[in-house]
PDB file of N, CA and C in Angstrom:
ATOM      1  N   MET A   1      17.240-107.622 -28.220  1.00  0.00           N
ATOM      2  CA  MET A   1      17.034-107.721 -29.641  1.00  0.00           C
ATOM      3  C   MET A   1      16.386-109.077 -29.960  1.00  0.00           C
ATOM      4  N   MET A   2      15.369-109.056 -30.772  1.00  0.00           N
ATOM      5  CA  MET A   2      14.647-110.277 -31.125  1.00  0.00           C
ATOM      6  C   MET A   2      15.405-111.038 -32.214  1.00  0.00           C
ATOM      7  N   THR A   3      15.589-112.310 -31.965  1.00  0.00           N
ATOM      8  CA  THR A   3      16.205-113.155 -32.974  1.00  0.00           C
ATOM      9  C   THR A   3      15.124-113.725 -33.871  1.00  0.00           C
ATOM     10  N   ARG A   4      15.539-114.269 -34.995  1.00  0.00           N
ATOM     11  CA  ARG A   4      14.585-114.887 -35.923  1.00  0.00           C
ATOM     12  C   ARG A   4      13.834-116.032 -35.235  1.00  0.00           C
ATOM     13  N   LYS A   5      14.548-116.804 -34.403  1.00  0.00           N
ATOM     14  CA  LYS A   5      13.923-117.921 -33.694  1.00  0.00           C
ATOM     15  C   LYS A   5      12.846-117.421 -32.729  1.00  0.00           C
ATOM     16  N   MET A   6      13.107-116.311 -32.028  1.00  0.00           N
ATOM     17  CA  MET A   6      12.116-115.751 -31.104  1.00  0.00           C
ATOM     18  C   MET A   6      10.869-115.310 -31.863  1.00  0.00           C
ATOM     19  N   VAL A   7      11.078-114.629 -32.966  1.00  0.00           N
ATOM     20  CA  VAL A   7       9.949-114.161 -33.777  1.00  0.00           C
ATOM     21  C   VAL A   7       9.129-115.348 -34.262  1.00  0.00           C
ATOM     22  N   GLU A   8       9.806-116.390 -34.734  1.00  0.00           N
ATOM     23  CA  GLU A   8       9.103-117.592 -35.215  1.00  0.00           C
ATOM     24  C   GLU A   8       8.325-118.261 -34.075  1.00  0.00           C
ATOM     25  N   SER A   9       8.933-118.323 -32.896  1.00  0.00           N
ATOM     26  CA  SER A   9       8.258-118.928 -31.741  1.00  0.00           C
ATOM     27  C   SER A   9       7.011-118.152 -31.358  1.00  0.00           C
ATOM     28  N   LEU A  10       7.103-116.834 -31.341  1.00  0.00           N
ATOM     29  CA  LEU A  10       5.941-116.014 -31.006  1.00  0.00           C
ATOM     30  C   LEU A  10       4.865-116.094 -32.089  1.00  0.00           C
ATOM     31  N   LYS A  11       5.278-116.180 -33.348  1.00  0.00           N
ATOM     32  CA  LYS A  11       4.318-116.355 -34.451  1.00  0.00           C
ATOM     33  C   LYS A  11       3.571-117.682 -34.281  1.00  0.00           C
ATOM     34  N   ASN A  12       4.309-118.744 -33.943  1.00  0.00           N
ATOM     35  CA  ASN A  12       3.681-120.053 -33.729  1.00  0.00           C
ATOM     36  C   ASN A  12       2.707-120.015 -32.560  1.00  0.00           C
ATOM     37  N   LEU A  13       3.060-119.276 -31.519  1.00  0.00           N
ATOM     38  CA  LEU A  13       2.169-119.135 -30.365  1.00  0.00           C
ATOM     39  C   LEU A  13       0.886-118.424 -30.773  1.00  0.00           C
ATOM     40  N   ARG A  14       1.017-117.331 -31.523  1.00  0.00           N
ATOM     41  CA  ARG A  14      -0.172-116.620 -31.997  1.00  0.00           C
ATOM     42  C   ARG A  14      -1.054-117.521 -32.840  1.00  0.00           C
ATOM     43  N   GLU A  15      -0.439-118.295 -33.730  1.00  0.00           N
ATOM     44  CA  GLU A  15      -1.215-119.199 -34.582  1.00  0.00           C
ATOM     45  C   GLU A  15      -1.933-120.258 -33.744  1.00  0.00           C
ATOM     46  N   ALA A  16      -1.277-120.760 -32.701  1.00  0.00           N
ATOM     47  CA  ALA A  16      -1.925-121.749 -31.827  1.00  0.00           C
ATOM     48  C   ALA A  16      -3.115-121.129 -31.115  1.00  0.00           C
ATOM     49  N   TRP A  17      -2.965-119.892 -30.647  1.00  0.00           N
ATOM     50  CA  TRP A  17      -4.089-119.201 -30.008  1.00  0.00           C
ATOM     51  C   TRP A  17      -5.232-119.000 -31.008  1.00  0.00           C
ATOM     52  N   GLU A  18      -4.906-118.599 -32.237  1.00  0.00           N
ATOM     53  CA  GLU A  18      -5.943-118.407 -33.253  1.00  0.00           C
ATOM     54  C   GLU A  18      -6.663-119.715 -33.557  1.00  0.00           C
ATOM     55  N   ASP A  19      -5.914-120.799 -33.663  1.00  0.00           N
ATOM     56  CA  ASP A  19      -6.535-122.106 -33.918  1.00  0.00           C
ATOM     57  C   ASP A  19      -7.490-122.486 -32.801  1.00  0.00           C
ATOM     58  N   SER A  20      -7.122-122.174 -31.563  1.00  0.00           N
ATOM     59  CA  SER A  20      -7.978-122.547 -30.433  1.00  0.00           C
ATOM     60  C   SER A  20      -9.271-121.745 -30.410  1.00  0.00           C
ATOM     61  N   LEU A  21      -9.288-120.588 -31.062  1.00  0.00           N
ATOM     62  CA  LEU A  21     -10.491-119.748 -31.099  1.00  0.00           C
ATOM     63  C   LEU A  21     -11.428-120.096 -32.247  1.00  0.00           C
ATOM     64  N   GLU A  22     -11.009-121.006 -33.104  1.00  0.00           N
ATOM     65  CA  GLU A  22     -11.839-121.491 -34.203  1.00  0.00           C
ATOM     66  C   GLU A  22     -12.432-120.357 -35.037  1.00  0.00           C
ATOM     67  N   GLY A  23     -11.564-119.462 -35.516  1.00  0.00           N
ATOM     68  CA  GLY A  23     -11.998-118.420 -36.432  1.00  0.00           C
ATOM     69  C   GLY A  23     -12.355-117.090 -35.799  1.00  0.00           C
ATOM     70  N   GLU A  24     -12.500-117.037 -34.491  1.00  0.00           N
ATOM     71  CA  GLU A  24     -12.806-115.757 -33.854  1.00  0.00           C
ATOM     72  C   GLU A  24     -11.529-114.940 -33.723  1.00  0.00           C
ATOM     73  N   SER A  25     -11.679-113.655 -33.580  1.00  0.00           N
ATOM     74  CA  SER A  25     -10.541-112.751 -33.516  1.00  0.00           C
ATOM     75  C   SER A  25      -9.863-112.803 -32.143  1.00  0.00           C
ATOM     76  N   LEU A  26      -8.542-112.714 -32.144  1.00  0.00           N
ATOM     77  CA  LEU A  26      -7.800-112.638 -30.882  1.00  0.00           C
ATOM     78  C   LEU A  26      -8.161-111.377 -30.101  1.00  0.00           C
ATOM     79  N   ILE A  27      -8.583-110.340 -30.782  1.00  0.00           N
ATOM     80  CA  ILE A  27      -8.932-109.093 -30.110  1.00  0.00           C
ATOM     81  C   ILE A  27     -10.125-109.288 -29.178  1.00  0.00           C
ATOM     82  N   ASP A  28     -10.990-110.260 -29.480  1.00  0.00           N
ATOM     83  CA  ASP A  28     -12.176-110.527 -28.670  1.00  0.00           C
ATOM     84  C   ASP A  28     -11.972-111.666 -27.666  1.00  0.00           C
ATOM     85  N   ALA A  29     -10.790-112.255 -27.667  1.00  0.00           N
ATOM     86  CA  ALA A  29     -10.539-113.415 -26.810  1.00  0.00           C
ATOM     87  C   ALA A  29     -10.484-113.001 -25.337  1.00  0.00           C
ATOM     88  N   LYS A  30     -11.043-113.836 -24.509  1.00  0.00           N
ATOM     89  CA  LYS A  30     -10.952-113.665 -23.061  1.00  0.00           C
ATOM     90  C   LYS A  30      -9.877-114.639 -22.588  1.00  0.00           C
ATOM     91  N   ALA A  31      -8.850-114.114 -21.940  1.00  0.00           N
ATOM     92  CA  ALA A  31      -7.741-114.977 -21.533  1.00  0.00           C
ATOM     93  C   ALA A  31      -7.139-114.473 -20.235  1.00  0.00           C
ATOM     94  N   SER A  32      -6.532-115.377 -19.531  1.00  0.00           N
ATOM     95  CA  SER A  32      -5.804-115.057 -18.308  1.00  0.00           C
ATOM     96  C   SER A  32      -4.469-114.420 -18.676  1.00  0.00           C
ATOM     97  N   ILE A  33      -4.216-113.253 -18.157  1.00  0.00           N
ATOM     98  CA  ILE A  33      -2.935-112.588 -18.429  1.00  0.00           C
ATOM     99  C   ILE A  33      -1.788-113.450 -17.929  1.00  0.00           C
ATOM    100  N   ALA A  34      -1.965-114.100 -16.807  1.00  0.00           N
ATOM    101  CA  ALA A  34      -0.917-114.958 -16.260  1.00  0.00           C
ATOM    102  C   ALA A  34      -0.580-116.089 -17.226  1.00  0.00           C
ATOM    103  N   LEU A  35      -1.597-116.721 -17.793  1.00  0.00           N
ATOM    104  CA  LEU A  35      -1.340-117.831 -18.711  1.00  0.00           C
ATOM    105  C   LEU A  35      -0.773-117.338 -20.037  1.00  0.00           C
ATOM    106  N   VAL A  36      -1.157-116.132 -20.461  1.00  0.00           N
ATOM    107  CA  VAL A  36      -0.563-115.555 -21.673  1.00  0.00           C
ATOM    108  C   VAL A  36       0.925-115.310 -21.438  1.00  0.00           C
ATOM    109  N   LEU A  37       1.265-114.714 -20.284  1.00  0.00           N
ATOM    110  CA  LEU A  37       2.680-114.492 -19.974  1.00  0.00           C
ATOM    111  C   LEU A  37       3.444-115.813 -19.899  1.00  0.00           C
ATOM    112  N   TYR A  38       2.818-116.818 -19.308  1.00  0.00           N
ATOM    113  CA  TYR A  38       3.460-118.133 -19.227  1.00  0.00           C
ATOM    114  C   TYR A  38       3.701-118.690 -20.632  1.00  0.00           C
ATOM    115  N   ASP A  39       2.687-118.583 -21.504  1.00  0.00           N
ATOM    116  CA  ASP A  39       2.841-119.062 -22.878  1.00  0.00           C
ATOM    117  C   ASP A  39       3.985-118.346 -23.587  1.00  0.00           C
ATOM    118  N   VAL A  40       4.100-117.036 -23.360  1.00  0.00           N
ATOM    119  CA  VAL A  40       5.174-116.271 -24.001  1.00  0.00           C
ATOM    120  C   VAL A  40       6.530-116.745 -23.477  1.00  0.00           C
ATOM    121  N   THR A  41       6.646-116.930 -22.160  1.00  0.00           N
ATOM    122  CA  THR A  41       7.931-117.396 -21.613  1.00  0.00           C
ATOM    123  C   THR A  41       8.261-118.791 -22.131  1.00  0.00           C
ATOM    124  N   SER A  42       7.255-119.606 -22.336  1.00  0.00           N
ATOM    125  CA  SER A  42       7.484-120.946 -22.895  1.00  0.00           C
ATOM    126  C   SER A  42       7.903-120.857 -24.359  1.00  0.00           C
ATOM    127  N   ALA A  43       7.224-120.004 -25.121  1.00  0.00           N
ATOM    128  CA  ALA A  43       7.550-119.859 -26.538  1.00  0.00           C
ATOM    129  C   ALA A  43       8.981-119.354 -26.728  1.00  0.00           C
ATOM    130  N   LEU A  44       9.427-118.523 -25.800  1.00  0.00           N
ATOM    131  CA  LEU A  44      10.793-118.003 -25.884  1.00  0.00           C
ATOM    132  C   LEU A  44      11.813-118.953 -25.269  1.00  0.00           C
ATOM    133  N   ALA A  45      11.338-120.103 -24.787  1.00  0.00           N
ATOM    134  CA  ALA A  45      12.205-121.133 -24.197  1.00  0.00           C
ATOM    135  C   ALA A  45      13.045-120.573 -23.050  1.00  0.00           C
ATOM    136  N   LEU A  46      12.401-119.771 -22.201  1.00  0.00           N
ATOM    137  CA  LEU A  46      13.116-119.232 -21.052  1.00  0.00           C
ATOM    138  C   LEU A  46      13.369-120.336 -20.032  1.00  0.00           C
ATOM    139  N   SER A  47      14.452-120.213 -19.317  1.00  0.00           N
ATOM    140  CA  SER A  47      14.762-121.166 -18.247  1.00  0.00           C
ATOM    141  C   SER A  47      13.778-120.931 -17.097  1.00  0.00           C
ATOM    142  N   PRO A  48      13.661-121.895 -16.173  1.00  0.00           N
ATOM    143  CA  PRO A  48      12.778-121.680 -15.019  1.00  0.00           C
ATOM    144  C   PRO A  48      13.128-120.402 -14.239  1.00  0.00           C
ATOM    145  N   ASP A  49      14.401-120.102 -14.089  1.00  0.00           N
ATOM    146  CA  ASP A  49      14.800-118.882 -13.384  1.00  0.00           C
ATOM    147  C   ASP A  49      14.373-117.634 -14.150  1.00  0.00           C
ATOM    148  N   GLN A  50      14.551-117.651 -15.473  1.00  0.00           N
ATOM    149  CA  GLN A  50      14.130-116.516 -16.290  1.00  0.00           C
ATOM    150  C   GLN A  50      12.607-116.366 -16.259  1.00  0.00           C
ATOM    151  N   ARG A  51      11.901-117.499 -16.319  1.00  0.00           N
ATOM    152  CA  ARG A  51      10.430-117.460 -16.266  1.00  0.00           C
ATOM    153  C   ARG A  51       9.976-116.842 -14.946  1.00  0.00           C
ATOM    154  N   GLU A  52      10.617-117.234 -13.844  1.00  0.00           N
ATOM    155  CA  GLU A  52      10.249-116.684 -12.542  1.00  0.00           C
ATOM    156  C   GLU A  52      10.571-115.190 -12.469  1.00  0.00           C
ATOM    157  N   ALA A  53      11.649-114.772 -13.098  1.00  0.00           N
ATOM    158  CA  ALA A  53      11.983-113.346 -13.125  1.00  0.00           C
ATOM    159  C   ALA A  53      10.908-112.555 -13.869  1.00  0.00           C
ATOM    160  N   VAL A  54      10.382-113.118 -14.976  1.00  0.00           N
ATOM    161  CA  VAL A  54       9.339-112.446 -15.754  1.00  0.00           C
ATOM    162  C   VAL A  54       8.018-112.450 -14.987  1.00  0.00           C
ATOM    163  N   LEU A  55       7.628-113.604 -14.466  1.00  0.00           N
ATOM    164  CA  LEU A  55       6.326-113.739 -13.815  1.00  0.00           C
ATOM    165  C   LEU A  55       6.314-113.239 -12.379  1.00  0.00           C
ATOM    166  N   GLY A  56       7.471-113.269 -11.733  1.00  0.00           N
ATOM    167  CA  GLY A  56       7.522-113.012 -10.295  1.00  0.00           C
ATOM    168  C   GLY A  56       7.306-114.333  -9.577  1.00  0.00           C
ATOM    169  N   ALA A  57       7.863-114.465  -8.393  1.00  0.00           N
ATOM    170  CA  ALA A  57       7.819-115.736  -7.664  1.00  0.00           C
ATOM    171  C   ALA A  57       6.389-116.185  -7.370  1.00  0.00           C
ATOM    172  N   ARG A  58       5.555-115.257  -6.929  1.00  0.00           N
ATOM    173  CA  ARG A  58       4.180-115.624  -6.558  1.00  0.00           C
ATOM    174  C   ARG A  58       3.388-116.120  -7.762  1.00  0.00           C
ATOM    175  N   LEU A  59       3.410-115.354  -8.853  1.00  0.00           N
ATOM    176  CA  LEU A  59       2.644-115.749 -10.042  1.00  0.00           C
ATOM    177  C   LEU A  59       3.197-117.032 -10.645  1.00  0.00           C
ATOM    178  N   ALA A  60       4.516-117.201 -10.640  1.00  0.00           N
ATOM    179  CA  ALA A  60       5.107-118.440 -11.157  1.00  0.00           C
ATOM    180  C   ALA A  60       4.602-119.639 -10.370  1.00  0.00           C
ATOM    181  N   ALA A  61       4.528-119.505  -9.050  1.00  0.00           N
ATOM    182  CA  ALA A  61       4.025-120.598  -8.211  1.00  0.00           C
ATOM    183  C   ALA A  61       2.542-120.850  -8.477  1.00  0.00           C
ATOM    184  N   GLU A  62       1.754-119.788  -8.619  1.00  0.00           N
ATOM    185  CA  GLU A  62       0.318-119.942  -8.878  1.00  0.00           C
ATOM    186  C   GLU A  62       0.066-120.625 -10.223  1.00  0.00           C
ATOM    187  N   VAL A  63       0.816-120.229 -11.242  1.00  0.00           N
ATOM    188  CA  VAL A  63       0.663-120.843 -12.562  1.00  0.00           C
ATOM    189  C   VAL A  63       1.070-122.311 -12.503  1.00  0.00           C
ATOM    190  N   ASP A  64       2.137-122.613 -11.776  1.00  0.00           N
ATOM    191  CA  ASP A  64       2.575-124.005 -11.647  1.00  0.00           C
ATOM    192  C   ASP A  64       1.491-124.867 -11.004  1.00  0.00           C
ATOM    193  N   VAL A  65       0.865-124.375  -9.953  1.00  0.00           N
ATOM    194  CA  VAL A  65      -0.212-125.135  -9.301  1.00  0.00           C
ATOM    195  C   VAL A  65      -1.413-125.263 -10.235  1.00  0.00           C
ATOM    196  N   TYR A  66      -1.728-124.197 -10.973  1.00  0.00           N
ATOM    197  CA  TYR A  66      -2.858-124.238 -11.902  1.00  0.00           C
ATOM    198  C   TYR A  66      -2.633-125.264 -13.006  1.00  0.00           C
ATOM    199  N   LEU A  67      -1.421-125.279 -13.564  1.00  0.00           N
ATOM    200  CA  LEU A  67      -1.126-126.188 -14.670  1.00  0.00           C
ATOM    201  C   LEU A  67      -0.816-127.610 -14.209  1.00  0.00           C
ATOM    202  N   ASN A  68      -0.388-127.780 -12.969  1.00  0.00           N
ATOM    203  CA  ASN A  68      -0.029-129.092 -12.428  1.00  0.00           C
ATOM    204  C   ASN A  68      -0.688-129.275 -11.071  1.00  0.00           C
ATOM    205  N   PRO A  69      -2.018-129.385 -11.047  1.00  0.00           N
ATOM    206  CA  PRO A  69      -2.695-129.489  -9.752  1.00  0.00           C
ATOM    207  C   PRO A  69      -2.272-130.758  -9.022  1.00  0.00           C
ATOM    208  N   PRO A  70      -2.210-130.684  -7.701  1.00  0.00           N
ATOM    209  CA  PRO A  70      -1.848-131.883  -6.939  1.00  0.00           C
ATOM    210  C   PRO A  70      -2.930-132.947  -7.098  1.00  0.00           C
ATOM    211  N   MET A  71      -2.501-134.187  -7.045  1.00  0.00           N
ATOM    212  CA  MET A  71      -3.469-135.281  -7.125  1.00  0.00           C
ATOM    213  C   MET A  71      -4.323-135.273  -5.863  1.00  0.00           C
ATOM    214  N   PRO A  72      -5.618-135.503  -5.982  1.00  0.00           N
ATOM    215  CA  PRO A  72      -6.462-135.563  -4.793  1.00  0.00           C
ATOM    216  C   PRO A  72      -6.111-136.782  -3.957  1.00  0.00           C
ATOM    217  N   SER A  73      -6.525-136.759  -2.712  1.00  0.00           N
ATOM    218  CA  SER A  73      -6.146-137.847  -1.812  1.00  0.00           C
ATOM    219  C   SER A  73      -6.884-139.143  -2.106  1.00  0.00           C
ATOM    220  N   LYS A  74      -8.007-139.082  -2.813  1.00  0.00           N
ATOM    221  CA  LYS A  74      -8.758-140.292  -3.109  1.00  0.00           C
ATOM    222  C   LYS A  74      -8.776-140.535  -4.611  1.00  0.00           C
ATOM    223  N   CYS A  75      -8.023-141.524  -5.042  1.00  0.00           N
ATOM    224  CA  CYS A  75      -8.047-141.875  -6.446  1.00  0.00           C
ATOM    225  C   CYS A  75      -7.781-143.374  -6.583  1.00  0.00           C
ATOM    226  N   MET A  76      -8.179-143.911  -7.701  1.00  0.00           N
ATOM    227  CA  MET A  76      -8.010-145.337  -7.952  1.00  0.00           C
ATOM    228  C   MET A  76      -7.547-145.512  -9.391  1.00  0.00           C
ATOM    229  N   ILE A  77      -6.575-146.369  -9.593  1.00  0.00           N
ATOM    230  CA  ILE A  77      -6.094-146.663 -10.933  1.00  0.00           C
ATOM    231  C   ILE A  77      -6.707-147.989 -11.357  1.00  0.00           C
ATOM    232  N   ILE A  78      -7.340-148.004 -12.522  1.00  0.00           N
ATOM    233  CA  ILE A  78      -7.907-149.245 -13.042  1.00  0.00           C
ATOM    234  C   ILE A  78      -7.398-149.451 -14.461  1.00  0.00           C
ATOM    235  N   GLN A  79      -7.400-150.680 -14.904  1.00  0.00           N
ATOM    236  CA  GLN A  79      -7.011-150.983 -16.281  1.00  0.00           C
ATOM    237  C   GLN A  79      -8.275-150.926 -17.123  1.00  0.00           C
ATOM    238  N   ASP A  80      -8.242-150.147 -18.197  1.00  0.00           N
ATOM    239  CA  ASP A  80      -9.389-149.995 -19.076  1.00  0.00           C
ATOM    240  C   ASP A  80      -8.901-150.256 -20.492  1.00  0.00           C
ATOM    241  N   GLY A  81      -9.012-151.486 -20.928  1.00  0.00           N
ATOM    242  CA  GLY A  81      -8.479-151.829 -22.236  1.00  0.00           C
ATOM    243  C   GLY A  81      -6.969-151.837 -22.183  1.00  0.00           C
ATOM    244  N   GLU A  82      -6.356-151.138 -23.134  1.00  0.00           N
ATOM    245  CA  GLU A  82      -4.902-151.116 -23.203  1.00  0.00           C
ATOM    246  C   GLU A  82      -4.279-150.069 -22.293  1.00  0.00           C
ATOM    247  N   ARG A  83      -5.042-149.062 -21.929  1.00  0.00           N
ATOM    248  CA  ARG A  83      -4.479-147.963 -21.140  1.00  0.00           C
ATOM    249  C   ARG A  83      -5.062-147.938 -19.739  1.00  0.00           C
ATOM    250  N   PRO A  84      -4.235-147.628 -18.742  1.00  0.00           N
ATOM    251  CA  PRO A  84      -4.783-147.465 -17.399  1.00  0.00           C
ATOM    252  C   PRO A  84      -5.621-146.193 -17.337  1.00  0.00           C
ATOM    253  N   ARG A  85      -6.584-146.196 -16.440  1.00  0.00           N
ATOM    254  CA  ARG A  85      -7.463-145.045 -16.252  1.00  0.00           C
ATOM    255  C   ARG A  85      -7.450-144.694 -14.772  1.00  0.00           C
ATOM    256  N   VAL A  86      -7.595-143.441 -14.462  1.00  0.00           N
ATOM    257  CA  VAL A  86      -7.630-142.988 -13.082  1.00  0.00           C
ATOM    258  C   VAL A  86      -9.049-142.533 -12.763  1.00  0.00           C
ATOM    259  N   LEU A  87      -9.565-143.003 -11.649  1.00  0.00           N
ATOM    260  CA  LEU A  87     -10.842-142.512 -11.134  1.00  0.00           C
ATOM    261  C   LEU A  87     -10.516-141.574  -9.990  1.00  0.00           C
ATOM    262  N   VAL A  88     -11.025-140.356 -10.054  1.00  0.00           N
ATOM    263  CA  VAL A  88     -10.763-139.361  -9.025  1.00  0.00           C
ATOM    264  C   VAL A  88     -12.070-139.080  -8.300  1.00  0.00           C
ATOM    265  N   TYR A  89     -12.046-139.287  -6.991  1.00  0.00           N
ATOM    266  CA  TYR A  89     -13.238-139.088  -6.181  1.00  0.00           C
ATOM    267  C   TYR A  89     -13.226-137.697  -5.573  1.00  0.00           C
ATOM    268  N   ARG A  90     -14.218-136.905  -5.912  1.00  0.00           N
ATOM    269  CA  ARG A  90     -14.385-135.567  -5.341  1.00  0.00           C
ATOM    270  C   ARG A  90     -15.795-135.508  -4.754  1.00  0.00           C
ATOM    271  N   GLY A  91     -15.871-135.769  -3.475  1.00  0.00           N
ATOM    272  CA  GLY A  91     -17.175-135.818  -2.836  1.00  0.00           C
ATOM    273  C   GLY A  91     -17.956-136.982  -3.403  1.00  0.00           C
ATOM    274  N   GLU A  92     -19.130-136.726  -3.932  1.00  0.00           N
ATOM    275  CA  GLU A  92     -19.974-137.775  -4.496  1.00  0.00           C
ATOM    276  C   GLU A  92     -19.732-137.967  -5.992  1.00  0.00           C
ATOM    277  N   ARG A  93     -18.972-137.089  -6.596  1.00  0.00           N
ATOM    278  CA  ARG A  93     -18.733-137.144  -8.035  1.00  0.00           C
ATOM    279  C   ARG A  93     -17.434-137.890  -8.334  1.00  0.00           C
ATOM    280  N   VAL A  94     -17.447-138.661  -9.404  1.00  0.00           N
ATOM    281  CA  VAL A  94     -16.256-139.390  -9.833  1.00  0.00           C
ATOM    282  C   VAL A  94     -15.870-138.879 -11.219  1.00  0.00           C
ATOM    283  N   ASN A  95     -14.635-138.405 -11.328  1.00  0.00           N
ATOM    284  CA  ASN A  95     -14.096-137.995 -12.626  1.00  0.00           C
ATOM    285  C   ASN A  95     -13.238-139.128 -13.157  1.00  0.00           C
ATOM    286  N   ARG A  96     -13.362-139.413 -14.442  1.00  0.00           N
ATOM    287  CA  ARG A  96     -12.547-140.444 -15.081  1.00  0.00           C
ATOM    288  C   ARG A  96     -11.680-139.785 -16.130  1.00  0.00           C
ATOM    289  N   TYR A  97     -10.424-140.114 -16.147  1.00  0.00           N
ATOM    290  CA  TYR A  97      -9.575-139.586 -17.195  1.00  0.00           C
ATOM    291  C   TYR A  97      -8.422-140.521 -17.455  1.00  0.00           C
ATOM    292  N   TRP A  98      -7.864-140.351 -18.652  1.00  0.00           N
ATOM    293  CA  TRP A  98      -6.685-141.122 -19.056  1.00  0.00           C
ATOM    294  C   TRP A  98      -5.492-140.212 -18.840  1.00  0.00           C
ATOM    295  N   PRO A  99      -4.637-140.558 -17.910  1.00  0.00           N
ATOM    296  CA  PRO A  99      -3.581-139.639 -17.494  1.00  0.00           C
ATOM    297  C   PRO A  99      -2.350-139.663 -18.387  1.00  0.00           C
ATOM    298  N   SER A 100      -1.573-138.609 -18.236  1.00  0.00           N
ATOM    299  CA  SER A 100      -0.238-138.595 -18.829  1.00  0.00           C
ATOM    300  C   SER A 100       0.626-139.531 -17.981  1.00  0.00           C
ATOM    301  N   PRO A 101       1.767-139.970 -18.478  1.00  0.00           N
ATOM    302  CA  PRO A 101       2.625-140.851 -17.686  1.00  0.00           C
ATOM    303  C   PRO A 101       3.012-140.256 -16.340  1.00  0.00           C
ATOM    304  N   SER A 102       3.301-138.946 -16.265  1.00  0.00           N
ATOM    305  CA  SER A 102       3.695-138.356 -14.982  1.00  0.00           C
ATOM    306  C   SER A 102       2.522-138.324 -14.010  1.00  0.00           C
ATOM    307  N   SER A 103       1.314-138.038 -14.503  1.00  0.00           N
ATOM    308  CA  SER A 103       0.139-138.062 -13.629  1.00  0.00           C
ATOM    309  C   SER A 103      -0.137-139.468 -13.123  1.00  0.00           C
ATOM    310  N   LEU A 104       0.073-140.448 -13.982  1.00  0.00           N
ATOM    311  CA  LEU A 104      -0.136-141.835 -13.586  1.00  0.00           C
ATOM    312  C   LEU A 104       0.860-142.233 -12.491  1.00  0.00           C
ATOM    313  N   GLN A 105       2.103-141.786 -12.608  1.00  0.00           N
ATOM    314  CA  GLN A 105       3.082-142.089 -11.573  1.00  0.00           C
ATOM    315  C   GLN A 105       2.687-141.484 -10.239  1.00  0.00           C
ATOM    316  N   ARG A 106       2.213-140.221 -10.268  1.00  0.00           N
ATOM    317  CA  ARG A 106       1.766-139.582  -9.015  1.00  0.00           C
ATOM    318  C   ARG A 106       0.579-140.334  -8.411  1.00  0.00           C
ATOM    319  N   ALA A 107      -0.347-140.736  -9.258  1.00  0.00           N
ATOM    320  CA  ALA A 107      -1.512-141.480  -8.766  1.00  0.00           C
ATOM    321  C   ALA A 107      -1.090-142.821  -8.183  1.00  0.00           C
ATOM    322  N   ALA A 108      -0.142-143.487  -8.819  1.00  0.00           N
ATOM    323  CA  ALA A 108       0.336-144.785  -8.318  1.00  0.00           C
ATOM    324  C   ALA A 108       0.985-144.609  -6.960  1.00  0.00           C
ATOM    325  N   GLN A 109       1.733-143.530  -6.766  1.00  0.00           N
ATOM    326  CA  GLN A 109       2.370-143.283  -5.472  1.00  0.00           C
ATOM    327  C   GLN A 109       1.323-143.058  -4.392  1.00  0.00           C
ATOM    328  N   MET A 110       0.239-142.374  -4.735  1.00  0.00           N
ATOM    329  CA  MET A 110      -0.802-142.111  -3.754  1.00  0.00           C
ATOM    330  C   MET A 110      -1.631-143.347  -3.450  1.00  0.00           C
ATOM    331  N   ALA A 111      -1.765-144.230  -4.422  1.00  0.00           N
ATOM    332  CA  ALA A 111      -2.603-145.421  -4.245  1.00  0.00           C
ATOM    333  C   ALA A 111      -1.938-146.450  -3.350  1.00  0.00           C
ATOM    334  N   VAL A 112      -0.629-146.356  -3.173  1.00  0.00           N
ATOM    335  CA  VAL A 112       0.111-147.326  -2.360  1.00  0.00           C
ATOM    336  C   VAL A 112      -0.155-147.108  -0.901  1.00  0.00           C
TER     337      VAL A 112
END
């Protein structure tokens, strides 16, 4: 049975999806079914065990890797103004980004 909180959470999720489409219809949206299921499990505040039961062990692991990719083996942390920045080396290309605190911690561990 759906509670009022569940309905509100799913409504908020739909509104977030609509906002991301900038006025286009959800009916025409191209989306990953796995990520939609993950969003629904998140909106319903399911526990990790419940999320894995819904997604299945394999898909739960795949979504986790997709959303939290491992840090590459070659990265450098530099100070850029007030915030640290991470340079990620992928072959000849360098990606620059301002990390979340958890990503910065992972990068710091790898840089040591």
